[in-house]
Amino acid sequence: MLGEAIGGLLPSAIAVALSPIPIVGVVLVLGTPRARASGTAFALGWVFGLAALSTIVVLVLGSDVDHGTESGIEWFKVAVGIVFLAMAAKQWRKRPQDGEVAEMPRWMDSIASITAPRAAALGAGLSGANPKNLALTLAASASISEAGLDRTDTALAVFVYVALGSITVAGSVLLYLLSPQRAAHPLAAVGRFMSENSAVIMMVVLLLLGAKLLGDGLGGVASL
């Protein structure tokens, strides 16, 4: 059922949307002289990259998984859950200590002079070539495959995943386009918060999602 698939992919989509790095990135892009063009390009690139990644993963996983064999999907959930728990532990270990400033990627230093084409490429890279997004998309795709949807419902499920996963990036750009002056302060505040707490935010998200997937997978295996 489509509703079951959407319910299963919802945690992964929210985790993608709450990823601190792209949120900080889009806030920085919206602070450049070419904010309108570069911000829009960044959002479109993000959506395109996430849509392409989601489509590819769903097609590959759907072709490899026998929908009549539920055990394969349940064990896949267990494996992804363990990976997420390991990633959460890594995020916790690299969190800044008291008084330390969170280390941000070096590419952020060049955003001040970014052009629209480069912003689009950056957005696509952060969504489509991001290992965390790949893992999250794999988890979402497992829910879609397990639901046994037809092509139309599969496309709708992917659309919902991409839309929810893009809501923070695309929403920030839309807010800026509607009212640049009013958006400047809240966007800057969100960017600072995400920058200062990026490791902890991702640790909590990955921990919760990993525990859910591991529990669902083990429960599914036990019920077979």
N, C-alpha and C. Protein backbone atom coordinates (compact mmCIF):
# COMPACT_ATOMS: atom_id res chain seq x y z
N MET A 1 0.83 -1.19 0.00
CA MET A 1 0.00 0.00 0.00
C MET A 1 0.87 1.25 0.00
N LEU A 2 0.39 2.29 -0.72
CA LEU A 2 1.15 3.53 -0.82
C LEU A 2 1.31 4.18 0.56
N GLY A 3 0.26 4.17 1.36
CA GLY A 3 0.35 4.77 2.69
C GLY A 3 1.39 4.10 3.56
N GLU A 4 1.49 2.79 3.46
CA GLU A 4 2.49 2.05 4.22
C GLU A 4 3.90 2.42 3.78
N ALA A 5 4.10 2.56 2.47
CA ALA A 5 5.41 2.93 1.94
C ALA A 5 5.81 4.33 2.40
N ILE A 6 4.87 5.27 2.35
CA ILE A 6 5.16 6.64 2.77
C ILE A 6 5.47 6.69 4.26
N GLY A 7 4.72 5.93 5.05
CA GLY A 7 5.01 5.87 6.48
C GLY A 7 6.39 5.30 6.76
N GLY A 8 6.81 4.33 5.96
CA GLY A 8 8.13 3.74 6.15
C GLY A 8 9.28 4.64 5.74
N LEU A 9 9.06 5.45 4.68
CA LEU A 9 10.14 6.32 4.20
C LEU A 9 10.20 7.66 4.92
N LEU A 10 9.15 7.98 5.70
CA LEU A 10 9.07 9.28 6.36
C LEU A 10 10.27 9.59 7.25
N PRO A 11 10.74 8.65 8.11
CA PRO A 11 11.90 8.98 8.95
C PRO A 11 13.15 9.29 8.13
N SER A 12 13.38 8.55 7.05
CA SER A 12 14.54 8.81 6.21
C SER A 12 14.44 10.17 5.54
N ALA A 13 13.25 10.51 5.05
CA ALA A 13 13.06 11.81 4.40
C ALA A 13 13.31 12.96 5.37
N ILE A 14 12.82 12.82 6.60
CA ILE A 14 13.04 13.86 7.60
C ILE A 14 14.52 13.97 7.94
N ALA A 15 15.21 12.83 8.01
CA ALA A 15 16.65 12.84 8.30
C ALA A 15 17.42 13.57 7.20
N VAL A 16 17.04 13.35 5.93
CA VAL A 16 17.67 14.07 4.83
C VAL A 16 17.41 15.56 4.95
N ALA A 17 16.17 15.93 5.26
CA ALA A 17 15.80 17.34 5.37
C ALA A 17 16.54 18.04 6.50
N LEU A 18 16.86 17.32 7.57
CA LEU A 18 17.51 17.92 8.73
C LEU A 18 19.03 17.86 8.67
N SER A 19 19.59 17.37 7.58
CA SER A 19 21.05 17.32 7.46
C SER A 19 21.61 18.74 7.56
N PRO A 20 22.51 19.01 8.50
CA PRO A 20 22.96 20.39 8.73
C PRO A 20 23.76 21.00 7.58
N ILE A 21 24.62 20.23 6.93
CA ILE A 21 25.53 20.79 5.93
C ILE A 21 24.79 21.49 4.78
N PRO A 22 23.80 20.85 4.12
CA PRO A 22 23.10 21.56 3.05
C PRO A 22 22.31 22.77 3.53
N ILE A 23 21.81 22.72 4.77
CA ILE A 23 21.08 23.87 5.30
C ILE A 23 22.04 25.04 5.49
N VAL A 24 23.20 24.77 6.08
CA VAL A 24 24.21 25.82 6.23
C VAL A 24 24.66 26.31 4.86
N GLY A 25 24.82 25.38 3.91
CA GLY A 25 25.25 25.75 2.57
C GLY A 25 24.27 26.68 1.88
N VAL A 26 22.97 26.38 1.95
CA VAL A 26 21.99 27.22 1.27
C VAL A 26 21.88 28.58 1.95
N VAL A 27 22.05 28.63 3.27
CA VAL A 27 22.04 29.91 3.97
C VAL A 27 23.21 30.78 3.52
N LEU A 28 24.39 30.16 3.37
CA LEU A 28 25.55 30.91 2.89
C LEU A 28 25.36 31.38 1.46
N VAL A 29 24.79 30.54 0.62
CA VAL A 29 24.53 30.93 -0.77
C VAL A 29 23.57 32.11 -0.82
N LEU A 30 22.57 32.11 0.04
CA LEU A 30 21.59 33.20 0.06
C LEU A 30 22.16 34.49 0.65
N GLY A 31 23.38 34.41 1.16
CA GLY A 31 24.04 35.61 1.66
C GLY A 31 25.01 36.20 0.67
N THR A 32 25.06 35.66 -0.55
CA THR A 32 25.98 36.16 -1.58
C THR A 32 25.32 37.24 -2.43
N PRO A 33 26.11 38.02 -3.18
CA PRO A 33 25.53 39.07 -4.04
C PRO A 33 24.56 38.53 -5.08
N ARG A 34 24.76 37.30 -5.54
CA ARG A 34 23.87 36.69 -6.53
C ARG A 34 22.89 35.73 -5.87
N ALA A 35 22.35 36.14 -4.75
CA ALA A 35 21.56 35.23 -3.92
C ALA A 35 20.36 34.63 -4.66
N ARG A 36 19.63 35.44 -5.41
CA ARG A 36 18.43 34.94 -6.06
C ARG A 36 18.76 33.85 -7.09
N ALA A 37 19.69 34.15 -7.97
CA ALA A 37 20.03 33.19 -9.01
C ALA A 37 20.75 31.98 -8.43
N SER A 38 21.73 32.22 -7.56
CA SER A 38 22.51 31.11 -7.01
C SER A 38 21.69 30.27 -6.04
N GLY A 39 20.84 30.92 -5.24
CA GLY A 39 20.00 30.17 -4.31
C GLY A 39 19.01 29.28 -5.03
N THR A 40 18.38 29.83 -6.07
CA THR A 40 17.44 29.03 -6.86
C THR A 40 18.15 27.86 -7.53
N ALA A 41 19.34 28.13 -8.08
CA ALA A 41 20.11 27.07 -8.74
C ALA A 41 20.52 25.99 -7.74
N PHE A 42 20.90 26.39 -6.53
CA PHE A 42 21.28 25.44 -5.50
C PHE A 42 20.10 24.53 -5.16
N ALA A 43 18.92 25.13 -4.98
CA ALA A 43 17.73 24.33 -4.63
C ALA A 43 17.36 23.37 -5.76
N LEU A 44 17.40 23.86 -7.00
CA LEU A 44 17.07 22.99 -8.13
C LEU A 44 18.08 21.86 -8.26
N GLY A 45 19.35 22.17 -8.04
CA GLY A 45 20.38 21.13 -8.09
C GLY A 45 20.18 20.09 -7.00
N TRP A 46 19.82 20.55 -5.80
CA TRP A 46 19.55 19.63 -4.69
C TRP A 46 18.40 18.69 -5.03
N VAL A 47 17.30 19.25 -5.51
CA VAL A 47 16.13 18.44 -5.85
C VAL A 47 16.47 17.44 -6.96
N PHE A 48 17.18 17.91 -7.98
CA PHE A 48 17.55 17.02 -9.08
C PHE A 48 18.45 15.88 -8.59
N GLY A 49 19.45 16.20 -7.78
CA GLY A 49 20.37 15.18 -7.28
C GLY A 49 19.66 14.15 -6.43
N LEU A 50 18.77 14.61 -5.53
CA LEU A 50 18.06 13.67 -4.67
C LEU A 50 17.07 12.83 -5.46
N ALA A 51 16.41 13.44 -6.46
CA ALA A 51 15.48 12.70 -7.30
C ALA A 51 16.20 11.63 -8.12
N ALA A 52 17.35 11.99 -8.68
CA ALA A 52 18.12 11.04 -9.47
C ALA A 52 18.61 9.88 -8.61
N LEU A 53 19.14 10.20 -7.43
CA LEU A 53 19.62 9.16 -6.52
C LEU A 53 18.48 8.24 -6.10
N SER A 54 17.34 8.82 -5.74
CA SER A 54 16.20 8.03 -5.29
C SER A 54 15.70 7.10 -6.39
N THR A 55 15.60 7.63 -7.60
CA THR A 55 15.10 6.82 -8.72
C THR A 55 16.03 5.65 -9.01
N ILE A 56 17.32 5.92 -9.04
CA ILE A 56 18.29 4.86 -9.32
C ILE A 56 18.25 3.78 -8.25
N VAL A 57 18.25 4.20 -6.98
CA VAL A 57 18.27 3.23 -5.89
C VAL A 57 16.99 2.39 -5.88
N VAL A 58 15.84 3.04 -6.09
CA VAL A 58 14.57 2.31 -6.11
C VAL A 58 14.55 1.30 -7.25
N LEU A 59 15.03 1.70 -8.41
CA LEU A 59 15.05 0.79 -9.56
C LEU A 59 15.98 -0.40 -9.31
N VAL A 60 17.18 -0.11 -8.78
CA VAL A 60 18.15 -1.18 -8.53
C VAL A 60 17.65 -2.11 -7.44
N LEU A 61 17.18 -1.55 -6.34
CA LEU A 61 16.71 -2.38 -5.23
C LEU A 61 15.46 -3.15 -5.63
N GLY A 62 14.59 -2.50 -6.38
CA GLY A 62 13.36 -3.17 -6.80
C GLY A 62 13.62 -4.32 -7.74
N SER A 63 14.69 -4.20 -8.56
CA SER A 63 15.00 -5.27 -9.49
C SER A 63 15.73 -6.43 -8.83
N ASP A 64 16.37 -6.14 -7.68
CA ASP A 64 17.15 -7.17 -7.02
C ASP A 64 16.38 -7.91 -5.93
N VAL A 65 15.32 -7.25 -5.43
CA VAL A 65 14.60 -7.84 -4.30
C VAL A 65 13.40 -8.63 -4.79
N ASP A 66 13.29 -9.85 -4.36
CA ASP A 66 12.12 -10.67 -4.66
C ASP A 66 11.03 -10.28 -3.67
N HIS A 67 9.95 -9.70 -4.20
CA HIS A 67 8.91 -9.21 -3.32
C HIS A 67 8.22 -10.34 -2.57
N GLY A 68 8.38 -11.56 -3.02
CA GLY A 68 7.78 -12.68 -2.30
C GLY A 68 8.67 -13.17 -1.18
N THR A 69 9.86 -12.65 -1.09
CA THR A 69 10.80 -13.07 -0.04
C THR A 69 11.01 -11.92 0.92
N GLU A 70 10.22 -11.89 1.97
CA GLU A 70 10.27 -10.79 2.91
C GLU A 70 11.53 -10.81 3.77
N SER A 71 12.12 -11.97 3.95
CA SER A 71 13.28 -12.06 4.83
C SER A 71 14.44 -11.22 4.32
N GLY A 72 14.61 -11.14 2.99
CA GLY A 72 15.71 -10.36 2.44
C GLY A 72 15.60 -8.90 2.80
N ILE A 73 14.40 -8.34 2.71
CA ILE A 73 14.20 -6.93 3.05
C ILE A 73 14.38 -6.71 4.55
N GLU A 74 13.90 -7.64 5.36
CA GLU A 74 14.04 -7.48 6.81
C GLU A 74 15.50 -7.50 7.24
N TRP A 75 16.28 -8.41 6.66
CA TRP A 75 17.71 -8.44 6.98
C TRP A 75 18.43 -7.20 6.44
N PHE A 76 17.95 -6.69 5.32
CA PHE A 76 18.50 -5.45 4.77
C PHE A 76 18.27 -4.29 5.75
N LYS A 77 17.09 -4.22 6.34
CA LYS A 77 16.79 -3.20 7.34
C LYS A 77 17.73 -3.33 8.54
N VAL A 78 17.96 -4.56 8.97
CA VAL A 78 18.87 -4.80 10.10
C VAL A 78 20.26 -4.25 9.76
N ALA A 79 20.74 -4.56 8.56
CA ALA A 79 22.07 -4.11 8.16
C ALA A 79 22.16 -2.59 8.11
N VAL A 80 21.16 -1.95 7.50
CA VAL A 80 21.17 -0.48 7.41
C VAL A 80 21.05 0.14 8.80
N GLY A 81 20.23 -0.47 9.66
CA GLY A 81 20.11 0.03 11.03
C GLY A 81 21.44 0.00 11.76
N ILE A 82 22.20 -1.07 11.59
CA ILE A 82 23.52 -1.18 12.23
C ILE A 82 24.46 -0.12 11.67
N VAL A 83 24.40 0.10 10.35
CA VAL A 83 25.24 1.14 9.73
C VAL A 83 24.91 2.51 10.31
N PHE A 84 23.63 2.81 10.47
CA PHE A 84 23.23 4.10 11.02
C PHE A 84 23.70 4.26 12.46
N LEU A 85 23.62 3.20 13.24
CA LEU A 85 24.09 3.28 14.62
C LEU A 85 25.61 3.53 14.66
N ALA A 86 26.34 2.90 13.75
CA ALA A 86 27.78 3.13 13.67
C ALA A 86 28.07 4.58 13.25
N MET A 87 27.28 5.10 12.31
CA MET A 87 27.46 6.48 11.89
C MET A 87 27.13 7.46 13.02
N ALA A 88 26.12 7.12 13.82
CA ALA A 88 25.77 7.96 14.97
C ALA A 88 26.91 8.00 15.97
N ALA A 89 27.53 6.85 16.22
CA ALA A 89 28.67 6.80 17.14
C ALA A 89 29.84 7.64 16.62
N LYS A 90 30.06 7.60 15.30
CA LYS A 90 31.12 8.41 14.71
C LYS A 90 30.84 9.89 14.87
N GLN A 91 29.57 10.28 14.65
CA GLN A 91 29.20 11.69 14.82
C GLN A 91 29.42 12.13 16.26
N TRP A 92 29.11 11.27 17.21
CA TRP A 92 29.29 11.62 18.62
C TRP A 92 30.77 11.81 18.96
N ARG A 93 31.62 10.96 18.41
CA ARG A 93 33.05 11.05 18.71
C ARG A 93 33.68 12.32 18.15
N LYS A 94 33.17 12.79 17.00
CA LYS A 94 33.79 13.97 16.38
C LYS A 94 33.10 15.28 16.75
N ARG A 95 32.17 15.23 17.70
CA ARG A 95 31.49 16.46 18.11
C ARG A 95 32.49 17.42 18.75
N PRO A 96 32.31 18.72 18.59
CA PRO A 96 33.22 19.70 19.21
C PRO A 96 33.10 19.65 20.73
N GLN A 97 34.20 19.79 21.41
CA GLN A 97 34.19 19.86 22.86
C GLN A 97 33.82 21.28 23.29
N ASP A 98 33.60 21.46 24.57
CA ASP A 98 33.23 22.78 25.08
C ASP A 98 34.28 23.82 24.69
N GLY A 99 33.83 24.90 24.10
CA GLY A 99 34.74 25.98 23.71
C GLY A 99 35.30 25.82 22.31
N GLU A 100 35.12 24.66 21.70
CA GLU A 100 35.61 24.43 20.34
C GLU A 100 34.58 24.87 19.31
N VAL A 101 35.07 25.28 18.15
CA VAL A 101 34.20 25.67 17.05
C VAL A 101 34.06 24.50 16.10
N ALA A 102 32.86 24.21 15.71
CA ALA A 102 32.63 23.09 14.80
C ALA A 102 33.36 23.32 13.48
N GLU A 103 34.05 22.28 13.01
CA GLU A 103 34.78 22.39 11.74
C GLU A 103 33.83 22.15 10.57
N MET A 104 33.78 23.10 9.65
CA MET A 104 32.90 23.01 8.50
C MET A 104 33.74 22.70 7.25
N PRO A 105 33.12 22.13 6.23
CA PRO A 105 33.85 21.77 5.01
C PRO A 105 34.54 22.97 4.37
N ARG A 106 35.69 22.73 3.73
CA ARG A 106 36.47 23.82 3.14
C ARG A 106 35.77 24.50 1.98
N TRP A 107 34.87 23.74 1.28
CA TRP A 107 34.22 24.33 0.12
C TRP A 107 33.34 25.51 0.50
N MET A 108 32.98 25.63 1.77
CA MET A 108 32.15 26.75 2.19
C MET A 108 32.89 28.08 2.11
N ASP A 109 34.22 28.03 2.13
CA ASP A 109 34.99 29.27 2.05
C ASP A 109 34.86 29.95 0.69
N SER A 110 34.52 29.19 -0.36
CA SER A 110 34.44 29.74 -1.70
C SER A 110 33.02 30.13 -2.11
N ILE A 111 32.07 30.03 -1.20
CA ILE A 111 30.68 30.30 -1.57
C ILE A 111 30.44 31.78 -1.87
N ALA A 112 31.21 32.67 -1.26
CA ALA A 112 30.98 34.10 -1.46
C ALA A 112 31.00 34.50 -2.93
N SER A 113 31.77 33.80 -3.73
CA SER A 113 31.89 34.14 -5.16
C SER A 113 31.22 33.10 -6.06
N ILE A 114 30.32 32.32 -5.51
CA ILE A 114 29.73 31.21 -6.27
C ILE A 114 28.79 31.74 -7.35
N THR A 115 28.80 31.07 -8.49
CA THR A 115 27.90 31.40 -9.59
C THR A 115 26.72 30.43 -9.60
N ALA A 116 25.71 30.75 -10.40
CA ALA A 116 24.53 29.88 -10.46
C ALA A 116 24.86 28.47 -10.93
N PRO A 117 25.65 28.28 -12.00
CA PRO A 117 25.99 26.91 -12.41
C PRO A 117 26.73 26.13 -11.33
N ARG A 118 27.66 26.80 -10.66
CA ARG A 118 28.40 26.12 -9.58
C ARG A 118 27.48 25.82 -8.40
N ALA A 119 26.54 26.72 -8.13
CA ALA A 119 25.59 26.48 -7.04
C ALA A 119 24.71 25.27 -7.36
N ALA A 120 24.29 25.15 -8.62
CA ALA A 120 23.48 23.99 -9.02
C ALA A 120 24.28 22.70 -8.87
N ALA A 121 25.54 22.73 -9.29
CA ALA A 121 26.39 21.55 -9.16
C ALA A 121 26.62 21.19 -7.69
N LEU A 122 26.80 22.23 -6.87
CA LEU A 122 27.00 21.99 -5.43
C LEU A 122 25.76 21.37 -4.81
N GLY A 123 24.59 21.90 -5.13
CA GLY A 123 23.35 21.34 -4.59
C GLY A 123 23.16 19.90 -5.01
N ALA A 124 23.41 19.61 -6.29
CA ALA A 124 23.27 18.23 -6.78
C ALA A 124 24.28 17.31 -6.11
N GLY A 125 25.50 17.80 -5.91
CA GLY A 125 26.52 16.98 -5.27
C GLY A 125 26.20 16.67 -3.82
N LEU A 126 25.69 17.67 -3.09
CA LEU A 126 25.37 17.47 -1.68
C LEU A 126 24.22 16.50 -1.48
N SER A 127 23.31 16.43 -2.46
CA SER A 127 22.18 15.51 -2.32
C SER A 127 22.42 14.16 -2.99
N GLY A 128 22.96 14.18 -4.20
CA GLY A 128 23.11 12.95 -4.96
C GLY A 128 24.39 12.18 -4.71
N ALA A 129 25.45 12.87 -4.25
CA ALA A 129 26.73 12.21 -4.04
C ALA A 129 27.11 12.16 -2.56
N ASN A 130 26.13 12.27 -1.69
CA ASN A 130 26.35 12.29 -0.26
C ASN A 130 26.17 10.88 0.31
N PRO A 131 27.20 10.30 0.94
CA PRO A 131 27.06 8.94 1.48
C PRO A 131 25.90 8.79 2.47
N LYS A 132 25.68 9.81 3.30
CA LYS A 132 24.57 9.73 4.25
C LYS A 132 23.24 9.67 3.51
N ASN A 133 23.09 10.49 2.48
CA ASN A 133 21.84 10.46 1.70
C ASN A 133 21.65 9.12 1.01
N LEU A 134 22.76 8.53 0.55
CA LEU A 134 22.67 7.21 -0.07
C LEU A 134 22.14 6.18 0.92
N ALA A 135 22.68 6.19 2.13
CA ALA A 135 22.23 5.24 3.15
C ALA A 135 20.76 5.48 3.51
N LEU A 136 20.40 6.76 3.65
CA LEU A 136 19.01 7.08 3.99
C LEU A 136 18.06 6.70 2.85
N THR A 137 18.51 6.91 1.61
CA THR A 137 17.69 6.55 0.46
C THR A 137 17.54 5.04 0.34
N LEU A 138 18.58 4.31 0.69
CA LEU A 138 18.48 2.85 0.71
C LEU A 138 17.42 2.39 1.70
N ALA A 139 17.40 3.03 2.87
CA ALA A 139 16.39 2.67 3.87
C ALA A 139 14.99 3.00 3.36
N ALA A 140 14.82 4.17 2.75
CA ALA A 140 13.52 4.54 2.21
C ALA A 140 13.10 3.60 1.08
N SER A 141 14.05 3.22 0.24
CA SER A 141 13.76 2.34 -0.88
C SER A 141 13.35 0.95 -0.40
N ALA A 142 13.89 0.52 0.73
CA ALA A 142 13.49 -0.78 1.29
C ALA A 142 12.01 -0.75 1.66
N SER A 143 11.56 0.38 2.21
CA SER A 143 10.13 0.50 2.56
C SER A 143 9.26 0.48 1.31
N ILE A 144 9.74 1.15 0.25
CA ILE A 144 8.98 1.18 -1.00
C ILE A 144 8.91 -0.21 -1.62
N SER A 145 10.05 -0.91 -1.64
CA SER A 145 10.09 -2.26 -2.22
C SER A 145 9.23 -3.23 -1.44
N GLU A 146 9.27 -3.10 -0.12
CA GLU A 146 8.51 -4.01 0.73
C GLU A 146 7.00 -3.85 0.54
N ALA A 147 6.57 -2.64 0.15
CA ALA A 147 5.14 -2.38 -0.03
C ALA A 147 4.59 -3.00 -1.30
N GLY A 148 5.48 -3.39 -2.24
CA GLY A 148 5.03 -4.03 -3.46
C GLY A 148 4.16 -3.13 -4.33
N LEU A 149 4.58 -1.89 -4.55
CA LEU A 149 3.78 -0.92 -5.28
C LEU A 149 3.90 -1.10 -6.79
N ASP A 150 2.90 -0.62 -7.51
CA ASP A 150 3.02 -0.59 -8.97
C ASP A 150 3.85 0.63 -9.36
N ARG A 151 4.05 0.85 -10.65
CA ARG A 151 4.94 1.93 -11.10
C ARG A 151 4.43 3.30 -10.71
N THR A 152 3.13 3.50 -10.82
CA THR A 152 2.56 4.81 -10.50
C THR A 152 2.73 5.14 -9.02
N ASP A 153 2.40 4.19 -8.16
CA ASP A 153 2.54 4.41 -6.73
C ASP A 153 4.00 4.52 -6.32
N THR A 154 4.87 3.76 -6.99
CA THR A 154 6.30 3.87 -6.72
C THR A 154 6.80 5.28 -7.04
N ALA A 155 6.37 5.80 -8.19
CA ALA A 155 6.75 7.17 -8.57
C ALA A 155 6.23 8.18 -7.56
N LEU A 156 5.00 7.98 -7.07
CA LEU A 156 4.43 8.88 -6.08
C LEU A 156 5.21 8.82 -4.77
N ALA A 157 5.61 7.62 -4.37
CA ALA A 157 6.38 7.46 -3.14
C ALA A 157 7.73 8.15 -3.26
N VAL A 158 8.38 8.01 -4.40
CA VAL A 158 9.66 8.69 -4.63
C VAL A 158 9.46 10.20 -4.60
N PHE A 159 8.38 10.67 -5.22
CA PHE A 159 8.08 12.10 -5.23
C PHE A 159 7.92 12.64 -3.80
N VAL A 160 7.18 11.91 -2.97
CA VAL A 160 6.98 12.32 -1.58
C VAL A 160 8.31 12.36 -0.84
N TYR A 161 9.15 11.35 -1.06
CA TYR A 161 10.46 11.30 -0.40
C TYR A 161 11.31 12.50 -0.80
N VAL A 162 11.37 12.79 -2.09
CA VAL A 162 12.18 13.92 -2.57
C VAL A 162 11.61 15.24 -2.05
N ALA A 163 10.28 15.38 -2.08
CA ALA A 163 9.65 16.62 -1.62
C ALA A 163 9.93 16.87 -0.14
N LEU A 164 9.78 15.84 0.69
CA LEU A 164 10.03 16.00 2.12
C LEU A 164 11.52 16.21 2.40
N GLY A 165 12.37 15.48 1.67
CA GLY A 165 13.81 15.62 1.88
C GLY A 165 14.35 16.96 1.43
N SER A 166 13.59 17.67 0.58
CA SER A 166 14.03 18.95 0.04
C SER A 166 13.38 20.15 0.72
N ILE A 167 12.53 19.89 1.70
CA ILE A 167 11.69 20.96 2.23
C ILE A 167 12.50 22.06 2.92
N THR A 168 13.61 21.71 3.58
CA THR A 168 14.38 22.73 4.27
C THR A 168 15.20 23.57 3.28
N VAL A 169 15.82 22.91 2.31
CA VAL A 169 16.62 23.63 1.32
C VAL A 169 15.73 24.48 0.42
N ALA A 170 14.74 23.84 -0.19
CA ALA A 170 13.84 24.57 -1.09
C ALA A 170 13.02 25.60 -0.32
N GLY A 171 12.60 25.27 0.90
CA GLY A 171 11.83 26.20 1.71
C GLY A 171 12.63 27.44 2.07
N SER A 172 13.92 27.28 2.35
CA SER A 172 14.76 28.43 2.67
C SER A 172 14.86 29.38 1.48
N VAL A 173 15.05 28.80 0.29
CA VAL A 173 15.15 29.62 -0.92
C VAL A 173 13.82 30.32 -1.20
N LEU A 174 12.73 29.61 -1.05
CA LEU A 174 11.41 30.21 -1.30
C LEU A 174 11.14 31.34 -0.32
N LEU A 175 11.49 31.15 0.93
CA LEU A 175 11.31 32.19 1.94
C LEU A 175 12.11 33.43 1.57
N TYR A 176 13.33 33.22 1.10
CA TYR A 176 14.17 34.36 0.71
C TYR A 176 13.59 35.07 -0.51
N LEU A 177 13.13 34.31 -1.50
CA LEU A 177 12.59 34.91 -2.72
C LEU A 177 11.34 35.73 -2.43
N LEU A 178 10.53 35.29 -1.48
CA LEU A 178 9.31 36.00 -1.14
C LEU A 178 9.58 37.29 -0.38
N SER A 179 10.55 37.25 0.52
CA SER A 179 10.85 38.44 1.33
C SER A 179 12.29 38.39 1.82
N PRO A 180 13.24 38.88 1.00
CA PRO A 180 14.65 38.79 1.36
C PRO A 180 15.00 39.44 2.70
N GLN A 181 14.43 40.59 2.98
CA GLN A 181 14.77 41.29 4.21
C GLN A 181 14.25 40.57 5.44
N ARG A 182 13.02 40.10 5.38
CA ARG A 182 12.46 39.38 6.53
C ARG A 182 13.13 38.03 6.73
N ALA A 183 13.58 37.43 5.64
CA ALA A 183 14.17 36.09 5.73
C ALA A 183 15.61 36.10 6.24
N ALA A 184 16.28 37.24 6.10
CA ALA A 184 17.72 37.29 6.39
C ALA A 184 18.03 36.86 7.83
N HIS A 185 17.33 37.42 8.80
CA HIS A 185 17.65 37.13 10.21
C HIS A 185 17.34 35.68 10.60
N PRO A 186 16.12 35.18 10.35
CA PRO A 186 15.84 33.78 10.73
C PRO A 186 16.73 32.78 10.02
N LEU A 187 17.03 33.02 8.74
CA LEU A 187 17.90 32.09 8.02
C LEU A 187 19.30 32.09 8.61
N ALA A 188 19.80 33.27 8.96
CA ALA A 188 21.14 33.36 9.57
C ALA A 188 21.15 32.64 10.92
N ALA A 189 20.07 32.79 11.70
CA ALA A 189 20.00 32.14 13.00
C ALA A 189 19.98 30.62 12.85
N VAL A 190 19.20 30.13 11.89
CA VAL A 190 19.14 28.68 11.63
C VAL A 190 20.51 28.18 11.18
N GLY A 191 21.16 28.94 10.29
CA GLY A 191 22.48 28.54 9.81
C GLY A 191 23.49 28.43 10.93
N ARG A 192 23.48 29.40 11.85
CA ARG A 192 24.42 29.36 12.98
C ARG A 192 24.14 28.16 13.88
N PHE A 193 22.86 27.92 14.16
CA PHE A 193 22.49 26.79 15.02
C PHE A 193 22.93 25.47 14.41
N MET A 194 22.66 25.29 13.11
CA MET A 194 23.04 24.06 12.43
C MET A 194 24.55 23.90 12.40
N SER A 195 25.25 25.00 12.17
CA SER A 195 26.71 24.94 12.10
C SER A 195 27.31 24.55 13.46
N GLU A 196 26.78 25.12 14.53
CA GLU A 196 27.34 24.89 15.86
C GLU A 196 26.97 23.51 16.42
N ASN A 197 25.86 22.95 15.94
CA ASN A 197 25.37 21.69 16.51
C ASN A 197 25.24 20.58 15.48
N SER A 198 25.96 20.69 14.37
CA SER A 198 25.79 19.75 13.27
C SER A 198 26.04 18.30 13.68
N ALA A 199 27.12 18.06 14.42
CA ALA A 199 27.46 16.68 14.80
C ALA A 199 26.41 16.08 15.72
N VAL A 200 25.94 16.86 16.69
CA VAL A 200 24.95 16.35 17.64
C VAL A 200 23.61 16.10 16.94
N ILE A 201 23.21 17.01 16.05
CA ILE A 201 21.95 16.85 15.34
C ILE A 201 21.96 15.56 14.53
N MET A 202 23.02 15.35 13.77
CA MET A 202 23.10 14.14 12.94
C MET A 202 23.22 12.89 13.79
N MET A 203 23.89 12.99 14.94
CA MET A 203 24.00 11.84 15.83
C MET A 203 22.63 11.41 16.33
N VAL A 204 21.81 12.38 16.76
CA VAL A 204 20.48 12.06 17.27
C VAL A 204 19.60 11.48 16.16
N VAL A 205 19.64 12.10 14.97
CA VAL A 205 18.82 11.63 13.86
C VAL A 205 19.20 10.20 13.46
N LEU A 206 20.50 9.95 13.33
CA LEU A 206 20.97 8.63 12.92
C LEU A 206 20.71 7.58 14.01
N LEU A 207 20.84 7.98 15.26
CA LEU A 207 20.60 7.06 16.36
C LEU A 207 19.13 6.61 16.37
N LEU A 208 18.22 7.56 16.26
CA LEU A 208 16.80 7.23 16.28
C LEU A 208 16.40 6.38 15.07
N LEU A 209 16.89 6.80 13.89
CA LEU A 209 16.55 6.07 12.68
C LEU A 209 17.17 4.68 12.68
N GLY A 210 18.43 4.58 13.13
CA GLY A 210 19.10 3.28 13.19
C GLY A 210 18.39 2.33 14.14
N ALA A 211 17.98 2.84 15.31
CA ALA A 211 17.27 2.00 16.27
C ALA A 211 15.93 1.53 15.70
N LYS A 212 15.24 2.43 14.99
CA LYS A 212 13.95 2.06 14.40
C LYS A 212 14.12 0.97 13.35
N LEU A 213 15.07 1.16 12.43
CA LEU A 213 15.28 0.17 11.38
C LEU A 213 15.74 -1.17 11.95
N LEU A 214 16.63 -1.12 12.92
CA LEU A 214 17.11 -2.36 13.52
C LEU A 214 15.97 -3.09 14.22
N GLY A 215 15.16 -2.33 14.97
CA GLY A 215 14.02 -2.95 15.66
C GLY A 215 13.00 -3.51 14.68
N ASP A 216 12.68 -2.73 13.63
CA ASP A 216 11.71 -3.21 12.63
C ASP A 216 12.23 -4.45 11.92
N GLY A 217 13.52 -4.43 11.56
CA GLY A 217 14.10 -5.57 10.85
C GLY A 217 14.12 -6.83 11.70
N LEU A 218 14.56 -6.69 12.93
CA LEU A 218 14.61 -7.86 13.83
C LEU A 218 13.20 -8.37 14.14
N GLY A 219 12.26 -7.43 14.30
CA GLY A 219 10.88 -7.85 14.53
C GLY A 219 10.31 -8.59 13.33
N GLY A 220 10.64 -8.09 12.12
CA GLY A 220 10.17 -8.75 10.91
C GLY A 220 10.76 -10.13 10.73
N VAL A 221 12.06 -10.27 11.03
CA VAL A 221 12.72 -11.58 10.92
C VAL A 221 12.10 -12.56 11.91
N ALA A 222 11.84 -12.08 13.13
CA ALA A 222 11.30 -12.97 14.16
C ALA A 222 9.89 -13.44 13.82
N SER A 223 9.16 -12.61 13.04
CA SER A 223 7.77 -12.97 12.74
C SER A 223 7.64 -13.84 11.49
N LEU A 224 8.73 -14.08 10.78
CA LEU A 224 8.66 -14.89 9.57
C LEU A 224 8.52 -16.38 9.91
